[in-house]
């Protein structure tokens, strides 16, 4: 059972997932807390409020459902190909249709969240993608399936940018890395559970029914989200004065979202560096979504059971890394400032991933290769909280657009990476060359981290004050 943060008073006392407690945030009034914001922290009150904890529960479930719906088609693919008479190439095009649509609609959906708020936009997104998940089960051939999956990808685009936009309103800067860690932990849980659950449903009721079941989960989430969530913490009926003061310690959000500074966005070095960094992340990530099982079974010689276990291992390790990395980037921000917390952590994580991927090419044993690749994904995911946190640092009220831009390039990397693998294996019969390229891409992504300035907001005349002043213990 997953227990998400219990938030007491104006600040979270602890985070507990799967029974493992994460380190506590400093209480209000603690010297580190005051240093973290540069202003006196609000004092603790006696009242208890779990509103932010419930928001994290919604975020966790959103991520789980997103990846259940996104990856379940991989488990259903053999049955769909047989019934719909699809070739391997046609099924590959269907997979790519989702990624292409998801990339194209990330920025518009993120911008819409900035303008209209995550409450309405996320409701629309989840209803849309849930509907097309269910319609996937009604496909009658290649054309209808291709259209449905493209529209599914268009609908799901913007889910994560809009949830991160909600975080920008509901969490002070020092907690956002942890919040992002919980969100992406949910995505890895969904990635691990999707295939086993889909196969159970398919075995009992057939592949068409599996899409209906997964789509129904999204409909339930959307109804609950619209009824419970408010775009502004001050409008939520369950919020306490103490928690509201804690949320607004960095300053109260504007009553109306300002116009999007498109010129500043287009000319921002920060945005280009963020997009380049996340392109590298997506390039490496999509290998695990697409080719990893084939590599484990056909190239390394694992059995179906062994290949399945080692295909799940990267997501298990990555889920843990998401939580640890989210806490770590917040901790580093309080102690050493945003540059170390975001750029330092990101650089170290990506360079370690590059080294682990390269090491997998020279490891002599199949198990060693599989384990090194699993830890490579975990290392990259250690920076996921920093990746999305830096968008909030530089984006403020425009976080939806900025995260949309970043995620667009991440998915473009995810579109290109599997193609490079396929071409290399098909033409040169080499699995080693694609890993060399992936290691190089990760190294370039590490370099992009060094070009990011998390203290300079896009559109601002001067850099923002750093989140934390280094403290010594």
Protein backbone atom coordinates (compact mmCIF):
# COMPACT_ATOMS: atom_id res chain seq x y z
CA UNK A 1 0.00 0.00 0.00
CA UNK A 2 1.32 3.46 -0.89
CA UNK A 3 1.07 6.13 1.80
CA UNK A 4 1.58 9.65 0.52
CA UNK A 5 2.70 12.59 2.61
CA UNK A 6 0.80 13.44 5.75
CA UNK A 7 1.03 17.19 6.07
CA UNK A 8 0.62 18.51 9.59
CA UNK A 9 0.33 22.17 10.42
CA UNK A 10 1.85 24.52 7.87
CA UNK A 11 4.54 22.11 6.73
CA UNK A 12 4.96 18.41 5.98
CA UNK A 13 6.35 16.39 8.89
CA UNK A 14 7.41 13.44 6.81
CA UNK A 15 6.99 11.66 3.55
CA UNK A 16 6.23 7.96 3.65
CA UNK A 17 5.92 5.78 0.61
CA UNK A 18 5.70 2.04 0.89
CA UNK A 19 6.55 2.30 4.57
CA UNK A 20 9.89 4.04 3.99
CA UNK A 21 10.10 7.45 5.65
CA UNK A 22 11.91 10.23 3.89
CA UNK A 23 13.80 12.86 5.86
CA UNK A 24 11.76 15.66 7.36
CA UNK A 25 11.55 19.20 6.18
CA UNK A 26 12.81 21.74 8.70
CA UNK A 27 9.91 23.05 10.80
CA UNK A 28 8.77 26.61 10.52
CA UNK A 29 11.10 28.90 12.41
CA UNK A 30 14.07 26.52 12.06
CA UNK A 31 17.25 28.41 11.03
CA UNK A 32 17.54 26.43 7.81
CA UNK A 33 13.94 27.15 6.93
CA UNK A 34 14.45 30.85 7.36
CA UNK A 35 17.60 30.76 5.28
CA UNK A 36 15.87 28.81 2.59
CA UNK A 37 13.46 31.56 1.75
CA UNK A 38 15.49 34.58 2.72
CA UNK A 39 12.48 35.80 4.74
CA UNK A 40 11.13 34.84 8.13
CA UNK A 41 9.25 31.57 7.87
CA UNK A 42 5.66 31.43 9.12
CA UNK A 43 5.29 30.00 12.57
CA UNK A 44 3.83 26.63 13.19
CA UNK A 45 0.23 26.42 14.23
CA UNK A 46 -1.53 23.74 16.23
CA UNK A 47 -4.13 23.00 13.59
CA UNK A 48 -3.65 20.11 11.22
CA UNK A 49 -4.21 20.28 7.50
CA UNK A 50 -3.75 17.55 4.91
CA UNK A 51 -4.72 19.52 1.83
CA UNK A 52 -1.27 19.43 0.22
CA UNK A 53 -0.99 15.75 1.05
CA UNK A 54 -4.25 15.10 -0.76
CA UNK A 55 -2.98 17.06 -3.74
CA UNK A 56 0.07 14.80 -3.83
CA UNK A 57 -2.24 11.79 -3.71
CA UNK A 58 -4.07 13.11 -6.78
CA UNK A 59 -0.72 13.73 -8.50
CA UNK A 60 0.55 10.23 -7.69
CA UNK A 61 -2.64 8.60 -9.00
CA UNK A 62 -2.59 10.78 -12.13
CA UNK A 63 0.93 9.57 -12.92
CA UNK A 64 0.02 5.94 -12.28
CA UNK A 65 -3.06 6.12 -14.54
CA UNK A 66 -1.12 8.00 -17.22
CA UNK A 67 1.44 5.24 -17.56
CA UNK A 68 -1.11 2.45 -17.20
CA UNK A 69 -2.97 3.88 -20.19
CA UNK A 70 0.20 4.71 -22.13
CA UNK A 71 2.04 1.39 -21.81
CA UNK A 72 -0.81 -1.13 -21.71
CA UNK A 73 -0.83 -1.26 -25.52
CA UNK A 74 2.65 -2.85 -25.39
CA UNK A 75 1.20 -5.86 -23.56
CA UNK A 76 -1.82 -5.98 -25.87
CA UNK A 77 0.18 -5.54 -29.09
CA UNK A 78 0.66 -9.24 -29.99
CA UNK A 79 -3.06 -9.93 -29.59
CA UNK A 80 -4.02 -6.77 -31.50
CA UNK A 81 -1.65 -7.58 -34.35
CA UNK A 82 -3.11 -11.05 -34.70
CA UNK A 83 -6.75 -9.98 -34.66
CA UNK A 84 -6.35 -6.80 -36.74
CA UNK A 85 -3.82 -8.39 -39.15
CA UNK A 86 -1.13 -5.77 -38.50
CA UNK A 87 2.52 -6.05 -39.49
CA UNK A 88 5.40 -5.15 -37.18
CA UNK A 89 6.01 -1.99 -39.21
CA UNK A 90 2.37 -0.93 -38.91
CA UNK A 91 2.44 -1.48 -35.15
CA UNK A 92 5.63 0.60 -34.94
CA UNK A 93 3.85 3.43 -36.74
CA UNK A 94 0.98 3.19 -34.25
CA UNK A 95 3.45 3.52 -31.36
CA UNK A 96 5.10 6.52 -33.01
CA UNK A 97 1.74 8.21 -33.64
CA UNK A 98 1.25 8.60 -29.90
CA UNK A 99 4.73 10.05 -29.32
CA UNK A 100 4.40 12.49 -32.22
CA UNK A 101 1.01 13.80 -31.10
CA UNK A 102 2.16 14.00 -27.48
CA UNK A 103 5.13 16.14 -28.54
CA UNK A 104 3.10 18.46 -30.78
CA UNK A 105 0.45 19.29 -28.19
CA UNK A 106 2.63 19.68 -25.07
CA UNK A 107 3.22 23.42 -25.43
CA UNK A 108 -0.42 24.36 -26.27
CA UNK A 109 -1.72 22.28 -23.37
CA UNK A 110 0.84 23.73 -20.97
CA UNK A 111 -0.01 27.27 -22.09
CA UNK A 112 -3.71 26.54 -21.61
CA UNK A 113 -3.00 25.54 -18.01
CA UNK A 114 -1.26 28.87 -17.40
CA UNK A 115 -4.22 30.78 -18.80
CA UNK A 116 -7.23 28.79 -17.56
CA UNK A 117 -5.80 26.94 -14.59
CA UNK A 118 -5.04 23.26 -13.95
CA UNK A 119 -8.48 22.48 -12.54
CA UNK A 120 -10.35 22.82 -15.82
CA UNK A 121 -7.50 21.95 -18.14
CA UNK A 122 -6.46 18.75 -16.35
CA UNK A 123 -10.09 17.65 -16.20
CA UNK A 124 -10.36 18.11 -19.97
CA UNK A 125 -7.04 16.34 -20.57
CA UNK A 126 -7.89 13.26 -18.51
CA UNK A 127 -11.43 12.98 -19.89
CA UNK A 128 -10.07 13.24 -23.44
CA UNK A 129 -7.33 10.67 -23.10
CA UNK A 130 -9.54 8.27 -21.10
CA UNK A 131 -12.15 8.41 -23.83
CA UNK A 132 -9.62 7.56 -26.53
CA UNK A 133 -8.08 4.85 -24.35
CA UNK A 134 -11.50 3.20 -24.28
CA UNK A 135 -11.98 3.79 -28.02
CA UNK A 136 -8.71 1.94 -28.69
CA UNK A 137 -10.61 -1.18 -27.73
CA UNK A 138 -13.04 -0.50 -30.56
CA UNK A 139 -10.38 -0.35 -33.32
CA UNK A 140 -11.24 -2.37 -36.44
CA UNK A 141 -8.07 -1.97 -38.44
CA UNK A 142 -4.85 -0.07 -38.96
CA UNK A 143 -6.47 3.23 -39.92
CA UNK A 144 -8.84 3.46 -36.97
CA UNK A 145 -6.14 2.35 -34.54
CA UNK A 146 -3.64 4.88 -35.88
CA UNK A 147 -6.19 7.71 -35.61
CA UNK A 148 -7.24 6.71 -32.12
CA UNK A 149 -3.68 6.53 -30.77
CA UNK A 150 -2.75 9.87 -32.34
CA UNK A 151 -5.76 11.54 -30.69
CA UNK A 152 -4.93 9.72 -27.45
CA UNK A 153 -1.43 11.24 -27.52
CA UNK A 154 -2.84 14.69 -28.28
CA UNK A 155 -5.18 14.39 -25.32
CA UNK A 156 -2.59 13.15 -22.83
CA UNK A 157 -0.16 15.94 -23.72
CA UNK A 158 -0.01 18.54 -21.00
CA UNK A 159 -0.90 16.26 -18.09
CA UNK A 160 2.45 16.57 -16.34
CA UNK A 161 3.02 20.27 -17.15
CA UNK A 162 -0.39 21.12 -15.71
CA UNK A 163 0.15 19.11 -12.54
CA UNK A 164 3.52 20.81 -12.08
CA UNK A 165 1.70 24.11 -12.67
CA UNK A 166 -0.57 23.17 -9.77
CA UNK A 167 2.52 22.51 -7.64
CA UNK A 168 3.72 26.06 -8.36
CA UNK A 169 0.58 27.37 -6.63
CA UNK A 170 0.36 24.88 -3.79
CA UNK A 171 3.96 24.29 -2.70
CA UNK A 172 6.66 26.75 -1.64
CA UNK A 173 9.97 26.48 -3.47
CA UNK A 174 11.61 24.31 -0.85
CA UNK A 175 9.02 21.53 -1.28
CA UNK A 176 8.65 21.38 -5.04
CA UNK A 177 11.46 18.93 -5.68
CA UNK A 178 9.85 16.44 -3.32
CA UNK A 179 6.44 17.01 -4.91
CA UNK A 180 7.89 16.32 -8.35
CA UNK A 181 9.60 13.22 -6.99
CA UNK A 182 6.26 11.84 -5.78
CA UNK A 183 4.65 12.63 -9.15
CA UNK A 184 7.28 10.75 -11.14
CA UNK A 185 7.43 7.93 -8.62
CA UNK A 186 3.80 7.37 -9.63
CA UNK A 187 4.80 7.20 -13.29
CA UNK A 188 7.33 4.48 -12.54
CA UNK A 189 4.80 2.53 -10.47
CA UNK A 190 2.41 2.74 -13.42
CA UNK A 191 5.18 1.56 -15.73
CA UNK A 192 5.82 -1.49 -13.55
CA UNK A 193 2.15 -2.40 -13.11
CA UNK A 194 0.86 -1.79 -16.63
CA UNK A 195 1.97 -4.98 -18.37
CA UNK A 196 1.08 -7.45 -15.58
CA UNK A 197 -2.38 -5.94 -15.04
CA UNK A 198 -3.05 -5.69 -18.78
CA UNK A 199 -2.06 -9.33 -19.31
CA UNK A 200 -4.37 -10.47 -16.50
CA UNK A 201 -7.27 -8.53 -18.02
CA UNK A 202 -6.49 -9.80 -21.50
CA UNK A 203 -6.31 -13.38 -20.34
CA UNK A 204 -9.71 -13.11 -18.65
CA UNK A 205 -11.71 -10.77 -20.90
CA UNK A 206 -9.64 -10.06 -24.02
CA UNK A 207 -7.56 -7.09 -25.15
CA UNK A 208 -10.52 -4.87 -25.99
CA UNK A 209 -11.87 -5.06 -22.45
CA UNK A 210 -8.47 -4.11 -21.02
CA UNK A 211 -8.66 -0.67 -22.66
CA UNK A 212 -12.17 -0.13 -21.31
CA UNK A 213 -10.98 -0.92 -17.78
CA UNK A 214 -7.98 1.38 -17.93
CA UNK A 215 -10.03 4.21 -19.45
CA UNK A 216 -12.60 3.98 -16.66
CA UNK A 217 -9.90 4.75 -14.08
CA UNK A 218 -9.23 8.10 -15.74
CA UNK A 219 -12.91 9.05 -15.80
CA UNK A 220 -13.13 8.48 -12.05
CA UNK A 221 -9.98 10.53 -11.43
CA UNK A 222 -11.22 13.46 -13.53
CA UNK A 223 -14.55 13.64 -11.68
CA UNK A 224 -12.84 13.59 -8.28
CA UNK A 225 -10.23 16.16 -9.35
CA UNK A 226 -12.77 18.69 -10.60
CA UNK A 227 -14.85 18.35 -7.44
CA UNK A 228 -11.93 18.68 -5.00
CA UNK A 229 -9.18 20.84 -6.51
CA UNK A 230 -9.01 24.64 -6.54
CA UNK A 231 -6.54 26.64 -8.62
CA UNK A 232 -5.84 28.94 -5.67
CA UNK A 233 -5.12 27.56 -2.21
CA UNK A 234 -7.02 30.45 -0.60
CA UNK A 235 -10.21 29.26 -2.32
CA UNK A 236 -10.06 25.71 -0.95
CA UNK A 237 -12.57 25.14 1.86
CA UNK A 238 -10.25 22.81 3.79
CA UNK A 239 -7.19 25.09 3.86
CA UNK A 240 -6.06 26.46 7.22
CA UNK A 241 -4.59 29.90 7.79
CA UNK A 242 -1.33 28.32 8.94
CA UNK A 243 -0.95 26.16 5.86
CA UNK A 244 -1.85 29.05 3.58
CA UNK A 245 0.86 31.16 5.19
CA UNK A 246 3.34 28.33 4.64
CA UNK A 247 2.35 27.97 0.98
CA UNK A 248 2.66 31.72 0.36
CA UNK A 249 6.02 32.18 2.12
CA UNK A 250 7.66 32.90 -1.26
CA UNK A 251 5.04 35.52 -2.08
CA UNK A 252 1.41 35.36 -3.08
CA UNK A 253 0.61 34.43 -6.67
CA UNK A 254 -0.93 37.10 -8.87
CA UNK A 255 -4.70 37.11 -8.93
CA UNK A 256 -4.64 36.95 -12.72
CA UNK A 257 -2.01 35.20 -14.80
CA UNK A 258 0.09 37.71 -16.78
CA UNK A 259 0.40 37.48 -20.53
CA UNK A 260 2.86 34.91 -21.83
CA UNK A 261 6.21 36.60 -22.70
CA UNK A 262 6.70 34.77 -25.98
CA UNK A 263 9.60 37.01 -27.10
CA UNK A 264 11.46 36.38 -23.86
CA UNK A 265 10.81 32.65 -24.18
CA UNK A 266 12.13 32.45 -27.75
CA UNK A 267 15.29 34.36 -26.85
CA UNK A 268 15.94 32.67 -23.52
CA UNK A 269 19.22 30.78 -23.20
CA UNK A 270 17.80 29.16 -20.09
CA UNK A 271 14.89 27.65 -22.02
CA UNK A 272 17.13 26.28 -24.77
CA UNK A 273 19.44 24.70 -22.20
CA UNK A 274 16.49 23.18 -20.33
CA UNK A 275 15.10 21.72 -23.56
CA UNK A 276 18.50 20.29 -24.56
CA UNK A 277 18.90 18.73 -21.13
CA UNK A 278 15.49 17.06 -21.28
CA UNK A 279 16.01 15.88 -24.86
CA UNK A 280 18.88 13.81 -23.49
CA UNK A 281 16.69 12.49 -20.69
CA UNK A 282 13.92 11.44 -23.09
CA UNK A 283 16.38 9.92 -25.55
CA UNK A 284 17.67 7.55 -22.89
CA UNK A 285 14.29 6.90 -21.24
CA UNK A 286 12.42 5.62 -24.29
CA UNK A 287 14.86 2.76 -24.81
CA UNK A 288 13.37 1.25 -21.65
CA UNK A 289 9.83 1.75 -22.98
CA UNK A 290 10.51 0.17 -26.35
CA UNK A 291 13.58 -1.98 -26.97
CA UNK A 292 14.73 -3.16 -23.54
CA UNK A 293 12.67 -6.40 -23.41
CA UNK A 294 13.81 -7.33 -26.93
CA UNK A 295 17.44 -6.62 -26.04
CA UNK A 296 17.27 -8.68 -22.86
CA UNK A 297 15.62 -11.71 -24.44
CA UNK A 298 17.02 -11.81 -27.97
CA UNK A 299 20.48 -10.35 -27.49
CA UNK A 300 21.38 -11.24 -23.91
CA UNK A 301 19.56 -14.58 -23.95
CA UNK A 302 17.29 -14.19 -20.93
CA UNK A 303 14.17 -16.35 -20.62
CA UNK A 304 10.75 -14.71 -20.78
CA UNK A 305 10.57 -14.70 -16.98
CA UNK A 306 14.10 -13.43 -16.53
CA UNK A 307 13.69 -10.83 -19.23
CA UNK A 308 10.47 -9.64 -17.63
CA UNK A 309 12.10 -9.27 -14.23
CA UNK A 310 15.09 -7.37 -15.58
CA UNK A 311 12.77 -5.19 -17.70
CA UNK A 312 10.90 -4.21 -14.52
CA UNK A 313 14.08 -3.61 -12.47
CA UNK A 314 14.94 -0.20 -14.03
CA UNK A 315 11.49 1.18 -13.17
CA UNK A 316 11.69 -0.10 -9.60
CA UNK A 317 15.07 1.52 -9.08
CA UNK A 318 13.96 4.69 -10.89
CA UNK A 319 10.91 5.02 -8.64
CA UNK A 320 13.14 5.00 -5.58
CA UNK A 321 15.50 7.46 -7.26
CA UNK A 322 12.58 9.81 -7.99
CA UNK A 323 11.74 10.04 -4.29
CA UNK A 324 15.32 10.33 -3.10
CA UNK A 325 16.20 12.84 -5.82
CA UNK A 326 13.17 14.99 -5.05
CA UNK A 327 14.11 15.19 -1.40
CA UNK A 328 17.80 15.68 -2.25
CA UNK A 329 17.27 18.65 -4.56
CA UNK A 330 15.16 20.37 -1.91
CA UNK A 331 17.76 19.61 0.76
CA UNK A 332 20.61 20.95 -1.39
CA UNK A 333 18.58 24.07 -2.16
CA UNK A 334 18.23 24.82 1.55
CA UNK A 335 21.91 24.23 2.26
CA UNK A 336 23.72 25.42 -0.87
CA UNK A 337 21.29 27.27 -3.14
CA UNK A 338 19.56 26.52 -6.41
CA UNK A 339 22.64 26.18 -8.62
CA UNK A 340 23.96 23.24 -6.64
CA UNK A 341 20.49 21.78 -6.04
CA UNK A 342 19.41 21.82 -9.68
CA UNK A 343 22.47 22.09 -11.92
CA UNK A 344 24.98 20.28 -9.73
CA UNK A 345 22.66 17.37 -9.07
CA UNK A 346 21.55 17.22 -12.71
CA UNK A 347 25.11 17.27 -14.05
CA UNK A 348 26.25 14.50 -11.69
CA UNK A 349 23.20 12.33 -12.41
CA UNK A 350 23.46 12.56 -16.20
CA UNK A 351 27.23 11.99 -16.27
CA UNK A 352 26.81 8.93 -14.07
CA UNK A 353 24.14 7.62 -16.46
CA UNK A 354 26.52 8.13 -19.39
CA UNK A 355 29.24 6.19 -17.58
CA UNK A 356 26.89 3.33 -16.64
CA UNK A 357 25.52 2.96 -20.18
CA UNK A 358 29.06 2.88 -21.57
CA UNK A 359 30.11 0.37 -18.90
CA UNK A 360 27.28 -1.94 -19.96
CA UNK A 361 28.92 -2.32 -23.38
CA UNK A 362 32.14 -3.71 -21.91
CA UNK A 363 30.64 -5.79 -19.08
CA UNK A 364 31.31 -9.49 -19.81
CA UNK A 365 28.16 -11.04 -18.31
CA UNK A 366 24.55 -10.59 -19.35
CA UNK A 367 23.35 -10.00 -15.80
CA UNK A 368 25.97 -7.30 -15.30
CA UNK A 369 24.86 -5.57 -18.50
CA UNK A 370 21.20 -5.64 -17.43
CA UNK A 371 21.97 -4.33 -13.94
CA UNK A 372 24.17 -1.52 -15.24
CA UNK A 373 21.42 -0.40 -17.61
CA UNK A 374 18.91 -0.49 -14.76
CA UNK A 375 21.09 1.75 -12.60
CA UNK A 376 21.66 4.07 -15.57
CA UNK A 377 17.94 4.87 -15.68
CA UNK A 378 17.85 5.26 -11.90
CA UNK A 379 20.75 7.71 -12.05
CA UNK A 380 18.99 9.84 -14.66
CA UNK A 381 15.77 9.74 -12.65
CA UNK A 382 17.63 10.98 -9.58
CA UNK A 383 17.54 14.37 -11.32
CA UNK A 384 13.87 14.28 -12.33
CA UNK A 385 12.82 16.50 -9.42
CA UNK A 386 15.52 18.99 -10.41
CA UNK A 387 14.44 18.84 -14.07
CA UNK A 388 10.88 19.88 -13.32
CA UNK A 389 11.79 22.02 -10.34
CA UNK A 390 14.03 24.24 -12.46
CA UNK A 391 11.05 24.98 -14.73
CA UNK A 392 9.21 26.36 -11.70
CA UNK A 393 12.31 28.29 -10.63
CA UNK A 394 12.62 30.13 -13.94
CA UNK A 395 8.99 30.01 -15.05
CA UNK A 396 6.87 31.17 -12.10
CA UNK A 397 3.45 32.03 -13.57
CA UNK A 398 4.51 30.65 -16.96
CA UNK A 399 5.55 27.23 -15.68
CA UNK A 400 2.96 25.47 -17.84
CA UNK A 401 4.46 26.77 -21.08
CA UNK A 402 8.03 26.13 -19.97
CA UNK A 403 7.39 22.59 -18.79
CA UNK A 404 5.46 22.02 -22.02
CA UNK A 405 8.48 23.15 -24.06
CA UNK A 406 10.80 20.96 -22.01
CA UNK A 407 8.59 17.90 -22.26
CA UNK A 408 8.15 18.42 -26.00
CA UNK A 409 11.89 18.09 -26.52
CA UNK A 410 12.01 15.16 -24.12
CA UNK A 411 9.50 13.32 -26.26
CA UNK A 412 11.31 14.28 -29.45
CA UNK A 413 14.33 12.57 -27.92
CA UNK A 414 12.05 9.64 -27.16
CA UNK A 415 10.97 9.59 -30.81
CA UNK A 416 14.52 9.59 -32.19
CA UNK A 417 16.19 7.24 -29.70
CA UNK A 418 14.27 4.07 -30.56
CA UNK A 419 14.71 4.79 -34.28
CA UNK A 420 18.49 4.95 -33.87
CA UNK A 421 18.41 1.59 -32.11
CA UNK A 422 16.22 0.05 -34.79
CA UNK A 423 18.38 1.31 -37.66
CA UNK A 424 21.62 0.20 -36.01
CA UNK A 425 20.33 -3.29 -35.25
CA UNK A 426 18.63 -3.72 -38.63
CA UNK A 427 21.47 -2.45 -40.83
CA UNK A 428 24.62 -3.15 -38.80
CA UNK A 429 23.38 -5.88 -36.46
CA UNK A 430 24.91 -3.95 -33.59
CA UNK A 431 23.44 -3.26 -30.17
CA UNK A 432 26.69 -1.71 -28.98
CA UNK A 433 26.69 1.33 -31.27
CA UNK A 434 23.30 2.64 -30.01
CA UNK A 435 24.61 2.50 -26.43
CA UNK A 436 27.65 4.56 -27.43
CA UNK A 437 25.27 7.16 -28.86
CA UNK A 438 23.10 7.11 -25.72
CA UNK A 439 26.13 7.60 -23.48
CA UNK A 440 27.22 10.57 -25.62
CA UNK A 441 23.72 12.08 -25.51
CA UNK A 442 23.63 11.78 -21.72
CA UNK A 443 27.04 13.50 -21.51
CA UNK A 444 25.77 16.35 -23.70
CA UNK A 445 22.72 16.63 -21.46
CA UNK A 446 25.04 16.95 -18.46
CA UNK A 447 26.78 19.80 -20.24
CA UNK A 448 23.43 21.48 -20.87
CA UNK A 449 22.80 21.49 -17.11
CA UNK A 450 25.83 23.74 -16.65
CA UNK A 451 24.29 26.32 -19.02
CA UNK A 452 21.12 26.65 -16.92
CA UNK A 453 20.76 29.50 -14.43
CA UNK A 454 17.92 28.59 -12.04
CA UNK A 455 18.10 31.99 -10.35
CA UNK A 456 17.15 33.93 -13.48
CA UNK A 457 13.47 33.93 -14.32
CA UNK A 458 12.52 34.04 -17.95
CA UNK A 459 11.24 37.50 -18.73
CA UNK A 460 12.73 39.02 -15.57
CA UNK A 461 15.10 41.96 -15.78
CA UNK A 462 17.45 40.58 -13.14
CA UNK A 463 18.04 37.25 -11.56
CA UNK A 464 15.71 36.21 -8.78
CA UNK A 465 17.04 35.84 -5.28
CA UNK A 466 18.45 32.36 -4.75
CA UNK A 467 16.23 30.03 -2.79
CA UNK A 468 18.75 29.35 -0.10
CA UNK A 469 21.78 30.86 1.52
CA UNK A 470 24.36 28.22 2.33
CA UNK A 471 24.38 27.29 5.98
CA UNK A 472 26.97 25.44 7.94
CA UNK A 473 26.26 22.90 10.63
